[in-house]
């Protein structure tokens, strides 16, 4: 009972922790005049040394590979929740609190990192941040108390906060104007890592115990090397490339349009990532309770869902480049609604089929939403990327905490019936302004 009470308090507190992100959005994404004009946008005049280039696959691919390694490490944490629950005798609420500490730590820092580096570039921040992630892995491998688990989760969260805004910026720099394709390629790297993480955890950590978490240090070392190489490219080509891209998209939404867009995006992010949090954090528990699966077998189902998320994410960006971001967002939410409503009422085989369909369809929205926000507020790529990824982690953290509390009280099956209605909030997409009307 005490664990549930403390978890409820943490969930309410996390809502106030997420409030600065929404305030941040209104303060820094809302222009003071009819059209946005930022220091970065002021640099948009064509430079004589800014040579146009096409889609730079080695650079975008390198950013995607680093994202794969980073998110593979992040996905390991919820994948060991069943093991930690047994070894440390934790409640669902305490498990949710671990997820909350990690995700809220990451979410609050990301937009500020992006805003600062928009104005004061710090090329070596990416490999330095991954060093923090490495330290968090080491702490997690040797943690001998619940408090130590929370500290380890917070350290990994700090590493994630420095990674996403800057790595997303690199993907955009190397896009050659194909922003949706670059963002989806970058994001699919992360989703692939999120799918591989539980699989590796089931093979390496679950059979051998908590100490085997240290093997993920190798992934962090590989990511540090990749990010260092990307940093060298940015130092040599980043400024000229940024000027060339800014010259193509110099106009954004007016004040009213940005306010409306921020409100709608917050609603969509809430629906998407609370629902996704129910899978990433509790799908294994749902399968174990409802169908009696083992931990390792349930991890295979989680892998199928996350692999579908990766595939859907990759499709969303290029399609958004062709038909527009709003169309992709419409399909991703309303298309998944019937599958979500059916999931809690079917057997094991159909649960697997519907989970794959949900992952494929719903995941296509995120790249479209990120690029939509970047188009609405040009010249603030780092801040917008940090805000979007920050909202993702913050909402996911609140969702994990609240769903854990509800699972302790009502059961995990009841929770899945409740969250099945969340995709219907995608109807708010109708209120999004059209950014294509304001581009040159």
Protein backbone atom coordinates (compact mmCIF):
# COMPACT_ATOMS: atom_id res chain seq x y z
CA UNK A 1 0.00 0.00 0.00
CA UNK A 2 2.84 2.35 0.89
CA UNK A 3 4.50 1.62 -2.45
CA UNK A 4 1.28 2.48 -4.29
CA UNK A 5 0.85 5.69 -2.30
CA UNK A 6 4.42 6.80 -2.99
CA UNK A 7 3.98 5.86 -6.64
CA UNK A 8 0.79 7.91 -6.90
CA UNK A 9 2.60 10.89 -5.41
CA UNK A 10 5.41 10.41 -7.89
CA UNK A 11 2.96 10.27 -10.79
CA UNK A 12 1.30 13.52 -9.69
CA UNK A 13 4.67 15.16 -9.14
CA UNK A 14 5.83 14.07 -12.57
CA UNK A 15 2.89 15.91 -14.13
CA UNK A 16 4.24 19.12 -12.61
CA UNK A 17 7.73 18.19 -13.80
CA UNK A 18 6.38 17.85 -17.35
CA UNK A 19 4.62 21.23 -17.13
CA UNK A 20 7.90 23.11 -17.83
CA UNK A 21 8.11 21.33 -21.19
CA UNK A 22 4.73 22.69 -22.26
CA UNK A 23 5.64 26.13 -20.89
CA UNK A 24 8.93 25.87 -22.75
CA UNK A 25 7.04 25.15 -25.95
CA UNK A 26 4.87 28.26 -25.64
CA UNK A 27 7.73 30.50 -24.52
CA UNK A 28 10.30 29.51 -27.11
CA UNK A 29 8.24 28.18 -30.03
CA UNK A 30 5.83 31.11 -30.14
CA UNK A 31 7.15 34.02 -32.20
CA UNK A 32 6.78 37.60 -31.00
CA UNK A 33 5.59 38.74 -34.43
CA UNK A 34 3.63 37.39 -37.35
CA UNK A 35 6.52 35.40 -38.74
CA UNK A 36 9.25 33.64 -36.85
CA UNK A 37 12.67 35.20 -37.02
CA UNK A 38 15.49 33.66 -35.03
CA UNK A 39 19.24 34.10 -34.91
CA UNK A 40 19.58 30.82 -36.74
CA UNK A 41 17.09 31.89 -39.39
CA UNK A 42 18.99 35.11 -39.83
CA UNK A 43 21.88 33.02 -41.04
CA UNK A 44 19.70 31.67 -43.82
CA UNK A 45 21.13 33.93 -46.52
CA UNK A 46 22.97 31.78 -49.03
CA UNK A 47 26.66 31.56 -48.32
CA UNK A 48 29.23 31.39 -51.03
CA UNK A 49 30.81 28.30 -49.46
CA UNK A 50 27.51 26.45 -48.91
CA UNK A 51 27.51 23.87 -51.66
CA UNK A 52 24.22 22.00 -52.12
CA UNK A 53 24.33 18.27 -51.59
CA UNK A 54 21.91 15.41 -51.80
CA UNK A 55 20.92 12.89 -49.15
CA UNK A 56 24.17 11.90 -47.41
CA UNK A 57 23.50 8.28 -46.54
CA UNK A 58 26.81 7.66 -44.67
CA UNK A 59 26.09 10.55 -42.29
CA UNK A 60 22.37 9.87 -41.83
CA UNK A 61 23.18 6.16 -41.54
CA UNK A 62 25.86 6.91 -38.94
CA UNK A 63 23.38 8.94 -36.89
CA UNK A 64 20.86 6.08 -37.21
CA UNK A 65 23.50 3.54 -36.10
CA UNK A 66 24.34 5.65 -33.07
CA UNK A 67 20.61 5.92 -32.35
CA UNK A 68 20.34 2.13 -32.61
CA UNK A 69 23.12 1.63 -30.07
CA UNK A 70 21.77 4.32 -27.74
CA UNK A 71 18.19 3.05 -27.74
CA UNK A 72 19.29 -0.58 -27.52
CA UNK A 73 20.86 0.37 -24.20
CA UNK A 74 17.75 2.30 -23.12
CA UNK A 75 15.49 -0.65 -24.03
CA UNK A 76 17.53 -2.96 -21.85
CA UNK A 77 16.24 -1.16 -18.73
CA UNK A 78 12.51 -2.01 -19.06
CA UNK A 79 13.46 -5.45 -20.40
CA UNK A 80 15.06 -6.34 -17.04
CA UNK A 81 12.09 -5.05 -15.03
CA UNK A 82 10.69 -8.58 -14.41
CA UNK A 83 14.12 -9.69 -13.16
CA UNK A 84 14.50 -6.61 -10.94
CA UNK A 85 10.95 -7.05 -9.62
CA UNK A 86 11.85 -10.54 -8.43
CA UNK A 87 15.40 -9.86 -7.19
CA UNK A 88 14.53 -6.68 -5.25
CA UNK A 89 10.93 -7.68 -4.35
CA UNK A 90 9.48 -4.60 -6.06
CA UNK A 91 5.85 -3.66 -6.69
CA UNK A 92 4.52 -2.55 -10.07
CA UNK A 93 4.50 0.96 -8.65
CA UNK A 94 8.21 0.83 -7.83
CA UNK A 95 8.94 -0.50 -11.31
CA UNK A 96 7.00 2.43 -12.73
CA UNK A 97 9.04 4.82 -10.58
CA UNK A 98 12.30 3.53 -12.09
CA UNK A 99 10.90 4.21 -15.56
CA UNK A 100 9.68 7.61 -14.39
CA UNK A 101 13.09 8.69 -13.03
CA UNK A 102 14.83 7.72 -16.26
CA UNK A 103 12.30 9.24 -18.63
CA UNK A 104 11.63 12.45 -16.75
CA UNK A 105 15.37 13.07 -16.28
CA UNK A 106 15.82 12.75 -20.01
CA UNK A 107 12.72 14.75 -20.91
CA UNK A 108 13.42 17.85 -18.81
CA UNK A 109 16.99 18.28 -20.04
CA UNK A 110 16.53 17.65 -23.77
CA UNK A 111 14.87 20.90 -24.91
CA UNK A 112 17.29 23.00 -22.88
CA UNK A 113 20.24 21.15 -24.40
CA UNK A 114 18.76 21.77 -27.87
CA UNK A 115 18.06 25.45 -27.18
CA UNK A 116 21.56 26.07 -25.84
CA UNK A 117 23.33 24.29 -28.70
CA UNK A 118 21.21 26.12 -31.30
CA UNK A 119 22.96 29.29 -30.15
CA UNK A 120 26.24 27.85 -28.83
CA UNK A 121 27.25 24.73 -30.81
CA UNK A 122 29.04 22.07 -28.75
CA UNK A 123 30.22 19.46 -31.25
CA UNK A 124 31.75 17.13 -28.68
CA UNK A 125 28.62 17.00 -26.53
CA UNK A 126 27.43 13.85 -28.34
CA UNK A 127 30.34 11.53 -27.45
CA UNK A 128 30.53 13.11 -23.98
CA UNK A 129 26.87 12.34 -23.34
CA UNK A 130 27.39 8.73 -24.32
CA UNK A 131 30.09 8.51 -21.66
CA UNK A 132 27.34 9.33 -19.14
CA UNK A 133 25.26 6.48 -20.54
CA UNK A 134 28.22 4.15 -20.11
CA UNK A 135 28.52 5.21 -16.47
CA UNK A 136 24.81 4.53 -15.94
CA UNK A 137 25.18 0.99 -17.34
CA UNK A 138 28.07 0.31 -14.96
CA UNK A 139 26.02 1.55 -12.00
CA UNK A 140 23.03 -0.58 -13.02
CA UNK A 141 25.21 -3.70 -13.24
CA UNK A 142 26.46 -3.34 -9.66
CA UNK A 143 23.43 -1.73 -7.95
CA UNK A 144 22.57 -3.49 -4.70
CA UNK A 145 19.62 -1.37 -3.54
CA UNK A 146 16.48 0.22 -4.93
CA UNK A 147 17.94 3.69 -4.40
CA UNK A 148 20.98 2.71 -6.48
CA UNK A 149 18.70 1.52 -9.28
CA UNK A 150 17.05 4.95 -9.31
CA UNK A 151 20.44 6.70 -9.48
CA UNK A 152 21.54 4.47 -12.37
CA UNK A 153 18.29 5.20 -14.24
CA UNK A 154 18.82 8.95 -13.75
CA UNK A 155 22.41 8.81 -15.08
CA UNK A 156 21.31 6.91 -18.19
CA UNK A 157 18.58 9.55 -18.61
CA UNK A 158 21.16 12.35 -18.63
CA UNK A 159 23.07 10.57 -21.39
CA UNK A 160 19.89 10.23 -23.44
CA UNK A 161 19.08 13.93 -22.97
CA UNK A 162 22.33 14.99 -24.62
CA UNK A 163 22.02 12.47 -27.46
CA UNK A 164 18.66 13.04 -29.15
CA UNK A 165 18.64 16.80 -29.96
CA UNK A 166 22.15 16.83 -31.41
CA UNK A 167 21.95 13.54 -33.28
CA UNK A 168 18.60 14.58 -34.80
CA UNK A 169 20.23 17.83 -35.92
CA UNK A 170 22.99 15.90 -37.70
CA UNK A 171 20.41 13.77 -39.54
CA UNK A 172 18.65 16.93 -40.73
CA UNK A 173 21.93 18.53 -41.83
CA UNK A 174 22.70 15.52 -44.01
CA UNK A 175 19.16 15.23 -45.42
CA UNK A 176 19.68 17.24 -48.60
CA UNK A 177 16.18 18.65 -48.06
CA UNK A 178 14.52 15.24 -47.63
CA UNK A 179 13.75 15.98 -44.01
CA UNK A 180 11.09 13.34 -43.45
CA UNK A 181 13.24 10.59 -44.95
CA UNK A 182 16.24 11.62 -42.85
CA UNK A 183 14.20 11.84 -39.66
CA UNK A 184 12.54 8.48 -40.22
CA UNK A 185 15.90 6.85 -41.03
CA UNK A 186 17.33 8.31 -37.85
CA UNK A 187 14.29 7.25 -35.85
CA UNK A 188 14.18 3.74 -37.29
CA UNK A 189 17.69 3.27 -35.98
CA UNK A 190 16.39 4.02 -32.51
CA UNK A 191 13.35 1.79 -32.92
CA UNK A 192 15.52 -1.05 -34.21
CA UNK A 193 17.70 -0.66 -31.15
CA UNK A 194 14.60 -0.68 -28.97
CA UNK A 195 13.58 -3.97 -30.61
CA UNK A 196 17.02 -5.57 -30.33
CA UNK A 197 17.51 -4.47 -26.72
CA UNK A 198 14.93 -6.82 -25.14
CA UNK A 199 16.12 -9.68 -27.37
CA UNK A 200 19.74 -9.28 -26.26
CA UNK A 201 18.57 -8.86 -22.70
CA UNK A 202 16.67 -12.15 -22.87
CA UNK A 203 19.76 -13.88 -24.29
CA UNK A 204 22.50 -12.25 -22.20
CA UNK A 205 21.11 -10.74 -19.00
CA UNK A 206 18.07 -12.81 -17.94
CA UNK A 207 19.94 -16.17 -17.86
CA UNK A 208 23.03 -14.80 -16.07
CA UNK A 209 21.67 -12.11 -13.77
CA UNK A 210 22.11 -8.42 -13.10
CA UNK A 211 25.90 -8.39 -13.49
CA UNK A 212 25.55 -9.33 -17.16
CA UNK A 213 24.14 -5.83 -17.80
CA UNK A 214 27.81 -4.77 -18.00
CA UNK A 215 28.04 -6.37 -21.47
CA UNK A 216 26.08 -3.38 -22.78
CA UNK A 217 29.14 -1.23 -22.03
CA UNK A 218 30.51 -2.57 -25.34
CA UNK A 219 27.55 -0.99 -27.17
CA UNK A 220 28.23 2.33 -25.42
CA UNK A 221 31.91 2.23 -26.48
CA UNK A 222 30.89 1.57 -30.10
CA UNK A 223 28.43 4.48 -29.96
CA UNK A 224 31.12 6.81 -28.58
CA UNK A 225 33.32 5.99 -31.58
CA UNK A 226 30.52 6.54 -34.13
CA UNK A 227 29.51 9.83 -32.50
CA UNK A 228 33.09 11.04 -32.48
CA UNK A 229 33.33 10.44 -36.25
CA UNK A 230 30.04 12.28 -36.82
CA UNK A 231 31.33 15.14 -34.70
CA UNK A 232 34.36 15.49 -36.98
CA UNK A 233 32.03 15.79 -40.02
CA UNK A 234 29.93 18.44 -38.30
CA UNK A 235 32.99 20.49 -37.40
CA UNK A 236 34.10 20.46 -41.04
CA UNK A 237 30.79 20.84 -42.92
CA UNK A 238 28.02 21.60 -40.43
CA UNK A 239 27.82 25.41 -40.58
CA UNK A 240 27.82 25.73 -44.37
CA UNK A 241 25.30 22.90 -44.72
CA UNK A 242 22.97 24.47 -42.15
CA UNK A 243 22.99 27.77 -44.04
CA UNK A 244 22.14 26.05 -47.31
CA UNK A 245 19.19 24.17 -45.77
CA UNK A 246 17.90 27.22 -43.93
CA UNK A 247 17.76 29.12 -47.23
CA UNK A 248 15.16 26.63 -48.49
CA UNK A 249 12.75 26.96 -45.51
CA UNK A 250 12.83 30.38 -43.89
CA UNK A 251 9.17 30.97 -43.03
CA UNK A 252 7.11 29.38 -40.28
CA UNK A 253 3.71 29.68 -38.67
CA UNK A 254 2.46 32.86 -37.05
CA UNK A 255 1.84 33.14 -33.30
CA UNK A 256 -1.70 31.76 -33.35
CA UNK A 257 -0.66 28.91 -35.63
CA UNK A 258 2.25 27.91 -33.40
CA UNK A 259 0.09 27.99 -30.24
CA UNK A 260 -2.56 25.81 -31.89
CA UNK A 261 0.08 23.44 -33.27
CA UNK A 262 1.76 23.06 -29.86
CA UNK A 263 -1.53 22.25 -28.11
CA UNK A 264 -2.50 19.65 -30.71
CA UNK A 265 0.96 18.07 -30.77
CA UNK A 266 0.90 17.76 -26.97
CA UNK A 267 -2.45 15.93 -27.17
CA UNK A 268 -1.16 13.63 -29.92
CA UNK A 269 2.08 12.94 -28.06
CA UNK A 270 0.10 12.12 -24.91
CA UNK A 271 -2.09 9.61 -26.76
CA UNK A 272 0.78 8.02 -28.65
CA UNK A 273 3.35 7.67 -25.90
CA UNK A 274 1.11 6.70 -23.01
CA UNK A 275 -0.19 3.93 -25.25
CA UNK A 276 3.32 2.97 -26.36
CA UNK A 277 4.45 3.02 -22.68
CA UNK A 278 1.85 0.35 -21.95
CA UNK A 279 3.71 -1.91 -24.39
CA UNK A 280 7.35 -1.05 -23.74
CA UNK A 281 7.02 -1.27 -19.95
CA UNK A 282 4.18 -3.71 -19.28
CA UNK A 283 3.50 -5.88 -22.35
CA UNK A 284 5.60 -8.71 -20.91
CA UNK A 285 3.64 -8.56 -17.64
CA UNK A 286 0.35 -8.58 -19.58
CA UNK A 287 1.38 -11.69 -21.53
CA UNK A 288 2.66 -13.45 -18.42
CA UNK A 289 -0.54 -12.76 -16.44
CA UNK A 290 -3.10 -13.34 -19.18
CA UNK A 291 -1.51 -16.22 -21.12
CA UNK A 292 0.97 -17.70 -18.63
CA UNK A 293 4.05 -17.13 -20.80
CA UNK A 294 7.59 -17.28 -19.40
CA UNK A 295 9.68 -14.10 -19.19
CA UNK A 296 11.83 -15.14 -22.15
CA UNK A 297 8.84 -16.03 -24.35
CA UNK A 298 7.13 -12.76 -23.48
CA UNK A 299 10.30 -10.91 -24.53
CA UNK A 300 9.96 -12.47 -27.99
CA UNK A 301 6.48 -10.95 -28.32
CA UNK A 302 7.85 -7.59 -27.19
CA UNK A 303 10.56 -7.92 -29.83
CA UNK A 304 7.92 -8.51 -32.54
CA UNK A 305 6.04 -5.38 -31.47
CA UNK A 306 9.20 -3.23 -31.37
CA UNK A 307 10.41 -4.57 -34.73
CA UNK A 308 7.03 -3.55 -36.20
CA UNK A 309 7.50 -0.10 -34.66
CA UNK A 310 10.87 0.19 -36.39
CA UNK A 311 9.41 -0.78 -39.78
CA UNK A 312 6.47 1.60 -39.45
CA UNK A 313 8.73 4.47 -38.44
CA UNK A 314 10.87 4.05 -41.56
CA UNK A 315 7.80 4.20 -43.81
CA UNK A 316 6.35 7.31 -42.18
CA UNK A 317 9.10 9.77 -43.17
CA UNK A 318 9.29 9.23 -46.95
CA UNK A 319 5.49 9.04 -47.19
CA UNK A 320 5.26 12.33 -45.27
CA UNK A 321 7.70 13.94 -47.74
CA UNK A 322 5.28 13.01 -50.54
CA UNK A 323 1.77 13.44 -49.15
CA UNK A 324 2.32 15.77 -46.18
CA UNK A 325 2.81 15.33 -42.44
CA UNK A 326 -0.86 15.70 -41.49
CA UNK A 327 -1.98 12.84 -43.71
CA UNK A 328 0.53 10.50 -42.09
CA UNK A 329 -0.58 11.56 -38.60
CA UNK A 330 -4.24 10.98 -39.52
CA UNK A 331 -3.55 7.44 -40.73
CA UNK A 332 -1.28 6.52 -37.83
CA UNK A 333 -3.86 7.33 -35.16
CA UNK A 334 -7.25 6.50 -36.67
CA UNK A 335 -5.87 3.51 -38.54
CA UNK A 336 -4.67 1.91 -35.31
CA UNK A 337 -7.84 2.57 -33.27
CA UNK A 338 -9.75 -0.62 -34.23
CA UNK A 339 -6.69 -2.80 -33.55
CA UNK A 340 -6.18 -1.18 -30.14
CA UNK A 341 -9.82 -1.68 -29.16
CA UNK A 342 -9.71 -5.37 -30.15
CA UNK A 343 -6.39 -6.27 -28.49
CA UNK A 344 -7.60 -6.85 -24.89
CA UNK A 345 -10.34 -9.26 -26.05
CA UNK A 346 -8.47 -11.75 -28.28
CA UNK A 347 -6.33 -14.86 -27.77
CA UNK A 348 -2.55 -15.20 -27.85
CA UNK A 349 -2.13 -15.58 -31.62
CA UNK A 350 -4.33 -12.60 -32.42
CA UNK A 351 -2.62 -10.61 -29.68
CA UNK A 352 0.64 -11.08 -31.57
CA UNK A 353 -0.97 -10.16 -34.90
CA UNK A 354 -2.66 -7.05 -33.51
CA UNK A 355 0.47 -5.95 -31.63
CA UNK A 356 2.43 -6.07 -34.89
CA UNK A 357 -0.29 -4.11 -36.72
CA UNK A 358 -0.40 -1.50 -33.94
CA UNK A 359 3.38 -1.12 -34.02
CA UNK A 360 3.46 -0.73 -37.81
CA UNK A 361 0.67 1.84 -38.08
CA UNK A 362 1.06 3.98 -34.97
CA UNK A 363 4.84 4.38 -35.19
CA UNK A 364 4.64 6.18 -38.54
CA UNK A 365 3.49 9.35 -36.76
CA UNK A 366 6.57 10.38 -34.80
CA UNK A 367 8.90 11.32 -37.66
CA UNK A 368 6.01 13.24 -39.24
CA UNK A 369 5.35 15.14 -36.00
CA UNK A 370 9.03 16.02 -35.50
CA UNK A 371 9.45 17.35 -39.05
CA UNK A 372 6.09 19.14 -38.81
CA UNK A 373 7.32 20.99 -35.71
CA UNK A 374 10.67 21.79 -37.37
CA UNK A 375 8.83 23.24 -40.37
CA UNK A 376 6.54 25.28 -38.10
CA UNK A 377 9.52 26.81 -36.24
CA UNK A 378 12.49 26.94 -38.67
CA UNK A 379 15.93 27.86 -37.37
CA UNK A 380 15.47 26.09 -34.02
CA UNK A 381 16.17 22.51 -34.99
CA UNK A 382 17.95 21.51 -31.79
CA UNK A 383 15.34 23.06 -29.52
CA UNK A 384 12.41 21.58 -31.45
CA UNK A 385 14.03 18.14 -31.61
CA UNK A 386 14.85 18.29 -27.91
CA UNK A 387 11.32 19.36 -27.07
CA UNK A 388 9.77 16.57 -29.14
CA UNK A 389 12.04 13.86 -27.76
CA UNK A 390 11.68 15.41 -24.31
CA UNK A 391 7.89 15.23 -24.52
CA UNK A 392 8.25 11.63 -25.69
CA UNK A 393 10.31 10.64 -22.65
CA UNK A 394 8.37 12.81 -20.21
CA UNK A 395 4.95 11.58 -21.28
CA UNK A 396 6.30 8.04 -21.42
CA UNK A 397 7.59 8.43 -17.85
CA UNK A 398 4.29 9.75 -16.53
CA UNK A 399 2.47 7.02 -18.43
CA UNK A 400 4.72 4.31 -17.01
CA UNK A 401 4.26 5.62 -13.46
CA UNK A 402 0.49 6.02 -13.71
CA UNK A 403 -0.04 2.70 -15.49
CA UNK A 404 2.10 0.93 -12.88
CA UNK A 405 -0.07 2.37 -10.10
CA UNK A 406 -3.25 1.37 -11.94
CA UNK A 407 -1.87 -2.13 -12.52
CA UNK A 408 -1.21 -2.53 -8.79
CA UNK A 409 -4.78 -1.45 -8.03
CA UNK A 410 -6.87 -2.94 -10.85
CA UNK A 411 -4.61 -5.45 -12.61
CA UNK A 412 -2.62 -5.25 -15.82
CA UNK A 413 -5.43 -6.67 -18.00
CA UNK A 414 -7.76 -3.86 -16.87
CA UNK A 415 -5.05 -1.33 -17.77
CA UNK A 416 -4.90 -2.64 -21.35
CA UNK A 417 -8.65 -2.26 -21.70
CA UNK A 418 -8.39 1.34 -20.50
CA UNK A 419 -5.56 2.46 -22.80
CA UNK A 420 -7.19 0.91 -25.86
CA UNK A 421 -9.25 4.11 -26.23
CA UNK A 422 -6.24 6.46 -26.42
CA UNK A 423 -5.72 6.34 -30.22
CA UNK A 424 -9.14 8.01 -30.66
CA UNK A 425 -7.51 11.24 -29.45
CA UNK A 426 -5.94 11.34 -32.92
CA UNK A 427 -9.08 13.19 -34.02
CA UNK A 428 -7.29 16.30 -32.74
CA UNK A 429 -5.17 16.15 -35.93
CA UNK A 430 -7.98 18.04 -37.68
CA UNK A 431 -6.90 21.16 -35.76
CA UNK A 432 -3.26 21.16 -36.95
CA UNK A 433 -2.35 24.13 -39.23
CA UNK A 434 -0.95 23.22 -42.65
CA UNK A 435 2.77 24.05 -42.76
CA UNK A 436 3.00 23.41 -46.52
CA UNK A 437 1.18 26.70 -47.16
CA UNK A 438 3.96 28.72 -45.54
CA UNK A 439 7.03 27.15 -47.17
CA UNK A 440 8.89 28.60 -50.12
